[in-house]
Structure formats: structure tokens, C-alpha cells
Amino acid sequence: MTVLKPDICVLGAGSGGLVVAAGAAQMGASVVLLEPHKMGGDCLNYGCVPSKALLAAAASHPRPTYREAMARVRAAIATIEPNDSVERFEGLGVRVIRQAGRFLDARTVEAADGTCIKARRFVVATGSHATIPAVPGLDGVPYLTNETLWDLQAAPAHLVVIGGGPIGCEMALAHRRLGSRVTVLERGSLLSRDEPELVEVVRRRLLAEGIAVHEGIGVDSVEPMPGGGVRVRLSDGATADGSHLLVAAGRQATVDGLALDAGEILLEGGAIRTDAAMRTTNARVFAVGDVAGGPQFTHAASYQAGVVLKRLLFHLPAKVDHGLVPWATYTDPELSHVGLTEAAAREKHGDAVRVLVWKMAENDRAIASGRTEGLVKVVVTKQGRILGASIAAPNAGELILPWCLAIQNRLKIGAMAQVVAPYPTLSEASKRVAGSFYTESLFSERTRRIVRWLQKLP
């Protein structure tokens, strides 16, 4: 039996695991990385990269065939793949073992090939997978998830999507634009984490493109249809018939097979319990990314990995602040957000909150481009401290970055109001919404009196 004694053993080669492995190895630590499946994890192979490539293909002109669009998806993955490859990581000095690992005890992990790793520290980064709801009949019909969707070679005639979150909405839009009929079923509200008035902008666009959206409705059962396809029976007695079914009802941490009990690692809400340093209930073991619960984003995993590296390599008292983690949904228009929503801000600060709104219809670049849907919404304290920002607009994922910087550095709204923005740009809307904080006081009668008095001075 082979026994390895590295400084760090990482379980999982998704975004968080790769950041830890690459960073630690390049800064002098010995690292073993275990990954039984594809390097790059969900983001590269089934999530961020393929979904955005498909959305881009669906928005291009002339519009490609479905087969051509999927070819673009594979090309995008292939282009990025070398950055996450075994060869690159071995070149950095990482010992890569293409096997799953499980804890034998609090200080030992065994790979499936029998190799034992007795590392000084462990980092679990095994990610998440699609949640399959307990719907009667679902196990008796073929269905797609974000992992199997990419095997399709022809556009579904009618795609029924269970779930109106980011994955469901993005894939609904992409497939509609590539020629499919699409129905979205959501038991709650569409994109429920986001500000309602911004979600309405996206809802209107989905409906305008011909996507059938049903909210506040449950799925009672699923059954195969004669001749192929699926029939979804809804809680209101109606049915939704489709040629294909996509299950996009959320994600759950991938912990099966890790033998966490043997490693003295506890779960909480189905994910690994961690503290603000991303340390588990076993002080030698850290967890990052989706497996640790919290924000399920690639950039969140990378951020957590950075905190863990500071802890492991330099013994710095670094901690995560998930309030700094933004998110974006890449519909058209896009949705983005950072910080507190209005509801969360009012729950925390009560009436000491102001809400600022600037519509994209008042932005000159949006008018010139003929894309005036959307708005910028910012939540601040009455003293001007920025609590949260949300954007619904084309390229909202790009436009949110200044607000991320402002919140992370605890800037007040005046900093954004005084920034010199290039004209004409969509980003000018952020400056305008910030400036509106001062409108009432700046153009008040008191200000007029002061100005009139000052004009009398020599």
C-alpha cells in the first residue's frame, strides 16, 4: 500500500479545489489532488462555460443550428480545458490521482486505488449536483439535468423545465432562441433571490419571446406519453406536455462516498458545516465551494479557496464574508446583485434605509442602442452607506463590478456619484442612481437661499 504524506490533500478538482491546489503548489507546499471525474468540475464541463457558450450562440446572427450551437459549446470547453488539465497541474508540482477519496479517520484519506494520504491538512471541494425532486413517476421517464443536457444533438421540439431559477431561466431562453417551444414550471416565484421589480424585467422578456412561464404551481406527477415525450401533471389540474424534460430544481452538496463520519466531519443542511475560516468540525479539514453550502458560484468557491490558502500557508486570520459575493443570471437582459436586497436591508436596518432607482430608459447609451429595458436599484442607509445593489440590463453582470468594489471597501454613495464615467455608456446609470441620493437636498429651497446669498458676495 502506497502512503503519501503531503502538506495538503485536496478532494475535488472543481474551481475551489483547483485554486487551492495550484496556489499551494506554486507557493511551495506539497499537494495531492484527488478527482475521479472531469478536471474543472461542474463549472467547466456542465455549468458556467457551456451554458454561457450556448446563450452566446443562441444570440448570434445568423442563428446557428442546434448542432452548430452545441459544437460551439464543445469548442469553448476545449479552449479552456488545458488550464484545468492534469498535465498543467502536474507541471505545477501537484500529485494528481484520478480516483475518489474517502476518510479512514480524522487524519487519513484513502483513494479508490488503495493509496493512503496522511496530509497535514485536507480540503474538501467535491462540489454539488442537481437535486432530483421526489416527484411521482419522475424515475420512470427520461429527463435531463445540467449535466446530461449537453449530450443533445437536436433541439427539443418542446422543452419543459422544472425550476425557474438561474439555470432554468437561462436554458429556457437559449432553447427558445434555438427553435424549441419552452415551458417553465416554478412552484414559487421566478428567480426568487432577486429584487421583484428587476425580476419582472426578465419575466416580461421571457414571455415576449414566447416562453410559457407558470409560477406558484407544483408538479404532482410525471408520466411517459404514448409515442414518446413526457406529460407533467400540475397541482392546478392542468398538464404540460413536452418532448423533453429538464430538471433544474436546485443543487445539493456532493458528499456521498466521502465517509465524513470517519473523518469527524459534520453536515448541516445537507452540506459540510464550516466556520468563517471554512474549517470543518475537524480542525485539520477545510471545505470550499458548493459542498460547504452557502453561495453556489464559481467565484464564491475561488474566494473561499483564497481564504483557506491564507490560513494554510501563512497562518493568517482570514475569514469569508459572503455578503461580498455577487451573483449574475445571464438571461437577456441579465440580472446581477451584490450585498443586501431591499427586504433584507429593511429587516436588518428598519426604516433607516433609502432605495434609489434609475431606469435604463433614462440612459442615453441604452436609448441609442434601442435596449431601454431594465433599471439600477441601490439600497443605502440614510447616511449614504451602500448596503446592496441590483441591476437588470444588458451586460448587468459586467455593470455590477463597481458596486462590488464599493461594498467591499465600505464606500459611501458619494464615491459613486462623483466618479467620472465615460459617455455614453450603460455604466453611467450607476453614477446617475448614486447622484439621485442628493437630488432632494441639492435642489431644495435651503440650497437656493444659500446660493442666492453667496452670489451677493464680491
Protein backbone atom coordinates (compact mmCIF):
# COMPACT_ATOMS: atom_id res chain seq x y z
CA MET A 1 0.00 0.00 0.00
CA THR A 2 1.31 3.43 -1.04
CA VAL A 3 1.31 6.07 1.70
CA LEU A 4 1.71 9.74 0.81
CA LYS A 5 2.39 12.50 3.35
CA PRO A 6 1.83 15.84 1.62
CA ASP A 7 1.23 19.18 3.25
CA ILE A 8 -2.22 19.43 1.69
CA CYS A 9 -4.64 16.90 0.19
CA VAL A 10 -7.47 18.32 -1.93
CA LEU A 11 -10.56 16.23 -2.72
CA GLY A 12 -12.20 17.52 -5.88
CA ALA A 13 -10.87 19.34 -8.95
CA GLY A 14 -13.59 21.92 -9.40
CA SER A 15 -13.00 25.66 -9.12
CA GLY A 16 -12.29 25.79 -5.40
CA GLY A 17 -10.13 22.70 -5.31
CA LEU A 18 -8.04 23.80 -8.28
CA VAL A 19 -7.40 27.24 -6.77
CA VAL A 20 -6.17 25.64 -3.54
CA ALA A 21 -4.04 23.06 -5.34
CA ALA A 22 -2.44 25.49 -7.80
CA GLY A 23 -1.87 28.24 -5.25
CA ALA A 24 -0.41 25.95 -2.61
CA ALA A 25 1.90 24.13 -5.04
CA GLN A 26 3.20 27.33 -6.61
CA MET A 27 3.97 28.75 -3.17
CA GLY A 28 5.99 25.75 -2.07
CA ALA A 29 3.60 23.31 -0.39
CA SER A 30 3.39 19.66 -1.38
CA VAL A 31 -0.09 18.85 -2.72
CA VAL A 32 -2.07 15.74 -3.62
CA LEU A 33 -5.26 16.24 -5.63
CA LEU A 34 -7.95 13.56 -5.97
CA GLU A 35 -10.55 13.73 -8.75
CA PRO A 36 -12.44 10.71 -10.12
CA HIS A 37 -14.31 12.59 -12.84
CA LYS A 38 -13.54 15.51 -15.13
CA MET A 39 -10.97 18.12 -14.21
CA GLY A 40 -12.56 21.55 -13.94
CA GLY A 41 -15.65 20.20 -12.25
CA ASP A 42 -19.18 21.36 -12.90
CA CYS A 43 -18.31 24.90 -13.99
CA LEU A 44 -16.14 23.96 -16.94
CA ASN A 45 -17.94 20.84 -18.06
CA TYR A 46 -21.63 21.27 -17.23
CA GLY A 47 -22.25 24.74 -15.81
CA CYS A 48 -20.85 28.22 -16.37
CA VAL A 49 -18.83 27.64 -19.52
CA PRO A 50 -21.23 25.52 -21.60
CA SER A 51 -24.32 27.47 -20.56
CA LYS A 52 -22.80 30.83 -21.47
CA ALA A 53 -21.45 29.42 -24.73
CA LEU A 54 -24.94 28.16 -25.62
CA LEU A 55 -26.51 31.51 -24.70
CA ALA A 56 -23.98 33.33 -26.87
CA ALA A 57 -24.63 31.00 -29.78
CA ALA A 58 -28.39 31.45 -29.41
CA ALA A 59 -27.97 35.25 -29.53
CA SER A 60 -25.69 35.34 -32.57
CA HIS A 61 -26.76 36.24 -36.11
CA PRO A 62 -27.23 34.39 -38.30
CA ARG A 63 -28.56 31.97 -35.75
CA PRO A 64 -26.79 28.59 -35.80
CA THR A 65 -28.45 25.21 -35.92
CA TYR A 66 -28.68 23.35 -32.64
CA ARG A 67 -25.88 21.03 -33.71
CA GLU A 68 -23.69 24.04 -34.56
CA ALA A 69 -24.51 25.67 -31.24
CA MET A 70 -23.50 22.54 -29.35
CA ALA A 71 -20.29 22.42 -31.38
CA ARG A 72 -19.54 25.94 -30.13
CA VAL A 73 -20.13 24.73 -26.58
CA ARG A 74 -17.62 21.91 -27.03
CA ALA A 75 -15.13 24.30 -28.62
CA ALA A 76 -15.38 26.69 -25.66
CA ILE A 77 -14.79 23.87 -23.20
CA ALA A 78 -11.84 22.56 -25.23
CA THR A 79 -10.24 26.01 -25.32
CA ILE A 80 -10.41 26.46 -21.55
CA GLU A 81 -9.75 22.81 -20.66
CA PRO A 82 -5.92 22.99 -20.72
CA ASN A 83 -5.97 25.47 -17.82
CA ASP A 84 -7.61 22.80 -15.65
CA SER A 85 -5.84 19.75 -17.07
CA VAL A 86 -3.93 17.04 -15.26
CA GLU A 87 -0.85 17.95 -17.30
CA ARG A 88 -0.89 21.58 -16.17
CA PHE A 89 -1.32 20.69 -12.51
CA GLU A 90 1.34 18.02 -12.61
CA GLY A 91 3.57 20.64 -14.21
CA LEU A 92 2.94 22.85 -11.19
CA GLY A 93 4.09 20.01 -8.94
CA VAL A 94 0.71 18.68 -7.86
CA ARG A 95 0.37 14.90 -7.46
CA VAL A 96 -2.92 14.18 -9.29
CA ILE A 97 -4.71 10.91 -8.52
CA ARG A 98 -7.68 10.18 -10.79
CA GLN A 99 -9.62 8.42 -8.05
CA ALA A 100 -12.28 9.26 -5.48
CA GLY A 101 -11.22 9.57 -1.87
CA ARG A 102 -12.81 8.71 1.46
CA PHE A 103 -11.81 9.37 5.04
CA LEU A 104 -10.46 6.45 7.02
CA ASP A 105 -10.05 8.56 10.14
CA ALA A 106 -9.58 12.18 11.14
CA ARG A 107 -6.07 12.30 9.63
CA THR A 108 -6.22 9.89 6.70
CA VAL A 109 -7.88 9.73 3.29
CA GLU A 110 -7.83 6.61 1.14
CA ALA A 111 -8.06 6.83 -2.64
CA ALA A 112 -10.11 4.24 -4.50
CA ASP A 113 -6.89 2.64 -5.78
CA GLY A 114 -5.74 1.97 -2.20
CA THR A 115 -3.33 4.89 -1.88
CA CYS A 116 -3.40 6.39 1.63
CA ILE A 117 -2.84 10.11 2.10
CA LYS A 118 -1.81 11.29 5.55
CA ALA A 119 -1.74 15.01 4.94
CA ARG A 120 -1.15 17.81 7.41
CA ARG A 121 -4.35 19.44 6.16
CA PHE A 122 -7.26 18.40 3.90
CA VAL A 123 -9.55 20.49 1.72
CA VAL A 124 -12.86 19.01 0.57
CA ALA A 125 -14.05 20.58 -2.69
CA THR A 126 -16.31 17.94 -4.22
CA GLY A 127 -18.94 20.42 -5.43
CA SER A 128 -22.63 19.75 -5.93
CA HIS A 129 -25.02 18.02 -8.29
CA ALA A 130 -28.58 18.53 -9.48
CA THR A 131 -31.31 17.99 -6.91
CA ILE A 132 -33.85 15.50 -8.20
CA PRO A 133 -37.21 16.26 -6.57
CA ALA A 134 -39.37 13.43 -5.23
CA VAL A 135 -41.98 13.68 -7.98
CA PRO A 136 -44.06 10.54 -8.56
CA GLY A 137 -43.20 8.99 -11.91
CA LEU A 138 -40.03 11.01 -12.48
CA ASP A 139 -37.85 7.93 -12.20
CA GLY A 140 -39.92 6.29 -14.94
CA VAL A 141 -39.27 8.87 -17.68
CA PRO A 142 -36.11 10.13 -19.35
CA TYR A 143 -35.14 13.56 -18.06
CA LEU A 144 -32.26 15.96 -18.49
CA THR A 145 -30.14 17.78 -15.90
CA ASN A 146 -27.46 20.40 -16.41
CA GLU A 147 -25.00 17.51 -16.80
CA THR A 148 -26.82 15.45 -19.46
CA LEU A 149 -28.29 18.37 -21.42
CA TRP A 150 -25.04 18.78 -23.36
CA ASP A 151 -25.38 15.35 -24.95
CA LEU A 152 -28.31 16.52 -27.11
CA GLN A 153 -27.62 16.87 -30.82
CA ALA A 154 -31.01 18.14 -31.95
CA ALA A 155 -33.17 20.89 -30.50
CA PRO A 156 -36.04 19.59 -28.37
CA ALA A 157 -39.39 20.17 -30.04
CA HIS A 158 -40.84 21.27 -26.69
CA LEU A 159 -38.64 21.58 -23.62
CA VAL A 160 -40.45 21.54 -20.26
CA VAL A 161 -38.30 22.96 -17.47
CA ILE A 162 -38.96 22.19 -13.82
CA GLY A 163 -37.45 25.09 -11.93
CA GLY A 164 -37.43 28.83 -12.51
CA GLY A 165 -34.03 29.62 -11.02
CA PRO A 166 -30.96 30.84 -12.94
CA ILE A 167 -30.28 27.51 -14.70
CA GLY A 168 -33.91 27.03 -15.68
CA CYS A 169 -34.32 30.59 -17.00
CA GLU A 170 -31.03 30.65 -18.89
CA MET A 171 -31.61 27.32 -20.59
CA ALA A 172 -35.23 28.22 -21.33
CA LEU A 173 -34.13 31.35 -23.18
CA ALA A 174 -31.29 29.64 -25.05
CA HIS A 175 -33.51 26.81 -26.27
CA ARG A 176 -36.33 29.12 -27.25
CA ARG A 177 -33.94 31.15 -29.37
CA LEU A 178 -32.60 27.96 -30.93
CA GLY A 179 -36.07 26.97 -32.09
CA SER A 180 -37.66 24.98 -29.28
CA ARG A 181 -41.02 25.59 -27.67
CA VAL A 182 -40.36 26.07 -23.96
CA THR A 183 -42.47 25.85 -20.80
CA VAL A 184 -41.08 26.81 -17.38
CA LEU A 185 -42.72 25.47 -14.21
CA GLU A 186 -41.85 27.13 -10.89
CA ARG A 187 -43.57 26.30 -7.61
CA GLY A 188 -42.60 29.66 -6.12
CA SER A 189 -41.55 32.84 -7.89
CA LEU A 190 -39.19 33.15 -10.81
CA LEU A 191 -35.61 33.98 -9.73
CA SER A 192 -36.81 34.37 -6.16
CA ARG A 193 -33.48 35.57 -4.70
CA ASP A 194 -33.54 38.73 -6.79
CA GLU A 195 -35.39 42.03 -6.38
CA PRO A 196 -39.01 41.54 -7.58
CA GLU A 197 -39.16 44.61 -9.81
CA LEU A 198 -35.95 43.57 -11.57
CA VAL A 199 -37.19 40.00 -11.99
CA GLU A 200 -40.25 41.47 -13.68
CA VAL A 201 -37.98 42.87 -16.41
CA VAL A 202 -36.70 39.37 -17.16
CA ARG A 203 -40.17 37.82 -16.85
CA ARG A 204 -41.53 40.21 -19.47
CA ARG A 205 -38.69 39.31 -21.83
CA LEU A 206 -39.22 35.56 -21.44
CA LEU A 207 -42.92 35.95 -22.12
CA ALA A 208 -42.28 38.25 -25.09
CA GLU A 209 -40.03 35.59 -26.62
CA GLY A 210 -42.84 33.05 -26.42
CA ILE A 211 -41.78 31.11 -23.35
CA ALA A 212 -44.71 29.84 -21.27
CA VAL A 213 -43.99 30.68 -17.62
CA HIS A 214 -46.11 29.16 -14.84
CA GLU A 215 -45.34 30.36 -11.30
CA GLY A 216 -46.81 29.35 -7.97
CA ILE A 217 -47.60 25.91 -9.27
CA GLY A 218 -46.43 22.48 -8.16
CA VAL A 219 -45.69 19.31 -10.07
CA ASP A 220 -47.88 16.42 -8.93
CA SER A 221 -46.54 13.69 -11.20
CA VAL A 222 -44.74 12.88 -14.44
CA GLU A 223 -45.59 10.14 -16.90
CA PRO A 224 -44.46 8.99 -20.35
CA MET A 225 -46.66 9.81 -23.32
CA PRO A 226 -47.60 7.27 -25.97
CA GLY A 227 -45.24 7.65 -28.87
CA GLY A 228 -42.62 9.48 -26.81
CA GLY A 229 -42.33 12.60 -24.73
CA VAL A 230 -43.44 13.38 -21.19
CA ARG A 231 -46.60 14.64 -19.56
CA VAL A 232 -46.27 16.73 -16.42
CA ARG A 233 -49.37 16.90 -14.25
CA LEU A 234 -49.61 20.15 -12.32
CA SER A 235 -51.11 20.97 -8.94
CA ASP A 236 -53.91 23.02 -10.53
CA GLY A 237 -55.10 20.06 -12.58
CA ALA A 238 -53.53 21.23 -15.84
CA THR A 239 -50.85 19.35 -17.77
CA ALA A 240 -47.68 20.34 -19.60
CA ASP A 241 -46.69 18.00 -22.42
CA GLY A 242 -43.19 18.12 -23.86
CA SER A 243 -40.74 16.18 -25.94
CA HIS A 244 -38.00 16.67 -23.32
CA LEU A 245 -37.92 17.39 -19.60
CA LEU A 246 -35.16 19.42 -17.91
CA VAL A 247 -34.95 19.20 -14.12
CA ALA A 248 -33.43 22.41 -12.78
CA ALA A 249 -34.81 22.38 -9.25
CA GLY A 250 -31.66 23.35 -7.36
CA ARG A 251 -28.35 21.81 -6.30
CA GLN A 252 -27.18 19.67 -3.40
CA ALA A 253 -23.74 19.06 -1.96
CA THR A 254 -21.84 16.02 -3.22
CA VAL A 255 -20.87 14.18 -0.03
CA ASP A 256 -21.76 10.56 -0.78
CA GLY A 257 -18.81 8.21 -0.50
CA LEU A 258 -16.61 10.60 1.47
CA ALA A 259 -17.13 8.74 4.78
CA LEU A 260 -17.30 12.06 6.60
CA ASP A 261 -18.25 10.41 9.87
CA ALA A 262 -14.90 8.62 9.93
CA GLY A 263 -13.23 11.97 9.35
CA GLU A 264 -15.15 13.54 12.27
CA ILE A 265 -16.80 15.97 9.85
CA LEU A 266 -20.40 17.00 10.45
CA LEU A 267 -23.06 18.07 7.98
CA GLU A 268 -25.52 20.92 8.33
CA GLY A 269 -28.47 21.23 5.98
CA GLY A 270 -27.01 18.56 3.72
CA ALA A 271 -23.69 20.38 3.27
CA ILE A 272 -20.45 20.30 5.24
CA ARG A 273 -20.60 22.55 8.27
CA THR A 274 -17.86 25.21 8.24
CA ASP A 275 -16.94 28.27 10.25
CA ALA A 276 -15.95 31.68 8.86
CA ALA A 277 -12.49 30.31 8.07
CA MET A 278 -14.06 27.47 6.02
CA ARG A 279 -12.83 24.99 8.65
CA THR A 280 -14.97 21.94 9.34
CA THR A 281 -15.67 20.27 12.68
CA ASN A 282 -12.33 18.51 12.15
CA ALA A 283 -9.76 21.28 12.62
CA ARG A 284 -7.45 19.64 10.07
CA VAL A 285 -10.09 19.68 7.35
CA PHE A 286 -11.44 22.64 5.38
CA ALA A 287 -14.25 22.71 2.82
CA VAL A 288 -14.80 25.15 -0.04
CA GLY A 289 -17.35 25.64 -2.80
CA ASP A 290 -20.79 24.10 -3.16
CA VAL A 291 -20.03 21.20 -0.81
CA ALA A 292 -19.79 23.72 2.04
CA GLY A 293 -23.21 25.21 1.38
CA GLY A 294 -23.52 28.98 1.14
CA PRO A 295 -23.33 30.76 -2.23
CA GLN A 296 -23.14 28.20 -5.04
CA PHE A 297 -20.99 30.11 -7.51
CA THR A 298 -17.60 29.50 -9.09
CA HIS A 299 -16.33 32.87 -7.88
CA ALA A 300 -17.55 32.11 -4.34
CA ALA A 301 -15.54 28.87 -4.36
CA SER A 302 -12.46 30.73 -5.59
CA TYR A 303 -12.91 33.38 -2.92
CA GLN A 304 -13.24 30.75 -0.19
CA ALA A 305 -10.19 28.95 -1.57
CA GLY A 306 -8.18 32.17 -1.23
CA VAL A 307 -9.17 32.45 2.42
CA VAL A 308 -8.13 28.83 3.03
CA LEU A 309 -4.77 29.41 1.34
CA LYS A 310 -4.07 32.37 3.63
CA ARG A 311 -4.89 30.14 6.59
CA LEU A 312 -2.93 27.07 5.49
CA LEU A 313 0.18 28.69 4.06
CA PHE A 314 0.61 31.86 6.09
CA HIS A 315 -1.45 31.21 9.24
CA LEU A 316 -3.31 34.49 8.70
CA PRO A 317 -6.66 35.00 10.49
CA ALA A 318 -8.56 35.28 7.21
CA LYS A 319 -12.35 34.86 7.18
CA VAL A 320 -15.01 34.82 4.49
CA ASP A 321 -17.72 37.43 4.21
CA HIS A 322 -20.40 36.03 1.94
CA GLY A 323 -22.08 39.42 1.90
CA LEU A 324 -19.38 40.47 -0.56
CA VAL A 325 -20.19 37.72 -3.06
CA PRO A 326 -22.15 38.97 -6.09
CA TRP A 327 -24.20 36.91 -8.50
CA ALA A 328 -25.47 37.25 -12.03
CA THR A 329 -28.10 35.48 -14.12
CA TYR A 330 -27.28 35.54 -17.82
CA THR A 331 -30.70 35.91 -19.32
CA ASP A 332 -31.30 38.75 -21.78
CA PRO A 333 -31.40 41.25 -20.18
CA GLU A 334 -29.12 39.99 -17.44
CA LEU A 335 -29.69 40.27 -13.69
CA SER A 336 -26.92 40.98 -11.20
CA HIS A 337 -26.77 41.68 -7.49
CA VAL A 338 -24.36 42.28 -4.61
CA GLY A 339 -24.98 42.94 -0.92
CA LEU A 340 -28.42 43.15 0.69
CA THR A 341 -31.73 43.21 -1.13
CA GLU A 342 -34.23 45.84 -0.06
CA ALA A 343 -36.18 43.28 2.00
CA ALA A 344 -33.04 42.08 3.78
CA ALA A 345 -31.87 45.65 4.38
CA ARG A 346 -35.21 46.65 5.93
CA GLU A 347 -35.20 43.55 8.11
CA LYS A 348 -31.75 44.49 9.40
CA HIS A 349 -31.93 48.29 9.48
CA GLY A 350 -35.67 49.03 9.71
CA ASP A 351 -36.70 52.46 8.47
CA ALA A 352 -33.11 53.71 8.30
CA VAL A 353 -32.96 52.69 4.64
CA ARG A 354 -33.29 54.59 1.39
CA VAL A 355 -33.92 52.99 -2.01
CA LEU A 356 -32.51 54.63 -5.14
CA VAL A 357 -33.69 53.68 -8.63
CA TRP A 358 -32.54 54.75 -12.08
CA LYS A 359 -34.29 53.39 -15.15
CA MET A 360 -32.24 52.39 -18.19
CA ALA A 361 -34.86 54.24 -20.29
CA GLU A 362 -33.18 57.41 -18.98
CA ASN A 363 -29.70 56.27 -20.04
CA ASP A 364 -28.51 57.77 -23.33
CA ARG A 365 -26.50 54.72 -24.41
CA ALA A 366 -29.49 52.45 -23.80
CA ILE A 367 -31.65 54.81 -25.87
CA ALA A 368 -29.08 54.93 -28.68
CA SER A 369 -28.79 51.13 -28.67
CA GLY A 370 -32.55 50.58 -28.63
CA ARG A 371 -32.33 48.49 -25.41
CA THR A 372 -34.03 50.56 -22.74
CA GLU A 373 -35.50 47.80 -20.58
CA GLY A 374 -34.18 47.48 -17.05
CA LEU A 375 -33.05 49.55 -14.10
CA VAL A 376 -30.43 50.01 -11.42
CA LYS A 377 -31.60 49.71 -7.82
CA VAL A 378 -29.39 50.61 -4.86
CA VAL A 379 -30.14 50.29 -1.15
CA VAL A 380 -28.33 52.66 1.23
CA THR A 381 -28.59 53.86 4.80
CA LYS A 382 -29.86 57.38 5.35
CA GLN A 383 -26.22 58.37 5.90
CA GLY A 384 -25.33 57.06 2.44
CA ARG A 385 -23.58 53.76 3.27
CA ILE A 386 -24.13 51.34 0.40
CA LEU A 387 -25.89 48.17 1.54
CA GLY A 388 -26.74 46.49 -1.76
CA ALA A 389 -27.10 47.00 -5.49
CA SER A 390 -29.05 45.22 -8.21
CA ILE A 391 -29.07 45.71 -11.98
CA ALA A 392 -31.39 44.44 -14.71
CA ALA A 393 -29.94 45.41 -18.07
CA PRO A 394 -27.90 44.11 -20.98
CA ASN A 395 -24.45 43.20 -19.58
CA ALA A 396 -25.63 43.61 -15.99
CA GLY A 397 -23.02 41.04 -14.93
CA GLU A 398 -20.32 43.44 -16.10
CA LEU A 399 -22.01 46.55 -14.68
CA ILE A 400 -22.17 45.22 -11.10
CA LEU A 401 -18.38 45.28 -10.52
CA PRO A 402 -18.11 48.92 -9.30
CA TRP A 403 -20.79 48.19 -6.71
CA CYS A 404 -18.85 45.10 -5.57
CA LEU A 405 -15.79 47.30 -5.09
CA ALA A 406 -17.81 49.94 -3.25
CA ILE A 407 -19.39 47.48 -0.82
CA GLN A 408 -16.15 45.59 -0.20
CA ASN A 409 -14.36 48.85 0.63
CA ARG A 410 -17.29 50.28 2.63
CA LEU A 411 -17.59 53.30 0.37
CA LYS A 412 -20.46 55.74 0.68
CA ILE A 413 -22.76 56.62 -2.16
CA GLY A 414 -20.90 59.88 -2.75
CA ALA A 415 -17.93 57.98 -4.14
CA MET A 416 -20.05 56.59 -6.97
CA ALA A 417 -21.85 59.89 -7.50
CA GLN A 418 -18.57 61.75 -8.00
CA VAL A 419 -16.85 59.23 -10.28
CA VAL A 420 -16.19 60.44 -13.82
CA ALA A 421 -18.00 57.97 -16.11
CA PRO A 422 -17.40 57.76 -19.87
CA TYR A 423 -20.28 59.00 -22.01
CA PRO A 424 -22.34 57.44 -23.44
CA THR A 425 -22.18 54.15 -21.57
CA LEU A 426 -24.59 51.91 -19.70
CA SER A 427 -22.31 52.25 -16.68
CA GLU A 428 -23.31 55.91 -16.42
CA ALA A 429 -26.59 54.66 -14.93
CA SER A 430 -24.66 53.73 -11.77
CA LYS A 431 -23.37 57.28 -11.43
CA ARG A 432 -26.87 58.67 -12.03
CA VAL A 433 -28.55 56.46 -9.46
CA ALA A 434 -25.88 57.42 -6.93
CA GLY A 435 -26.38 61.09 -7.70
CA SER A 436 -30.10 60.80 -7.05
CA PHE A 437 -29.26 60.35 -3.35
CA TYR A 438 -28.51 64.07 -3.24
CA THR A 439 -31.27 65.38 -5.51
CA GLU A 440 -33.74 66.31 -2.79
CA SER A 441 -31.25 68.25 -0.67
CA LEU A 442 -29.21 69.70 -3.54
CA PHE A 443 -32.19 71.31 -5.26
CA SER A 444 -34.05 72.30 -2.10
CA GLU A 445 -35.21 75.80 -1.17
CA ARG A 446 -32.50 75.90 1.50
CA THR A 447 -29.81 75.36 -1.15
CA ARG A 448 -31.42 78.07 -3.30
CA ARG A 449 -31.27 80.55 -0.43
CA ILE A 450 -27.61 79.74 0.23
CA VAL A 451 -26.72 80.16 -3.45
CA ARG A 452 -28.57 83.46 -3.69
CA TRP A 453 -26.76 84.75 -0.61
CA LEU A 454 -23.36 83.63 -1.91
CA GLN A 455 -23.98 85.40 -5.19
CA LYS A 456 -24.13 88.72 -3.31
CA LEU A 457 -20.58 88.33 -2.10
CA PRO A 458 -17.91 90.28 -4.01
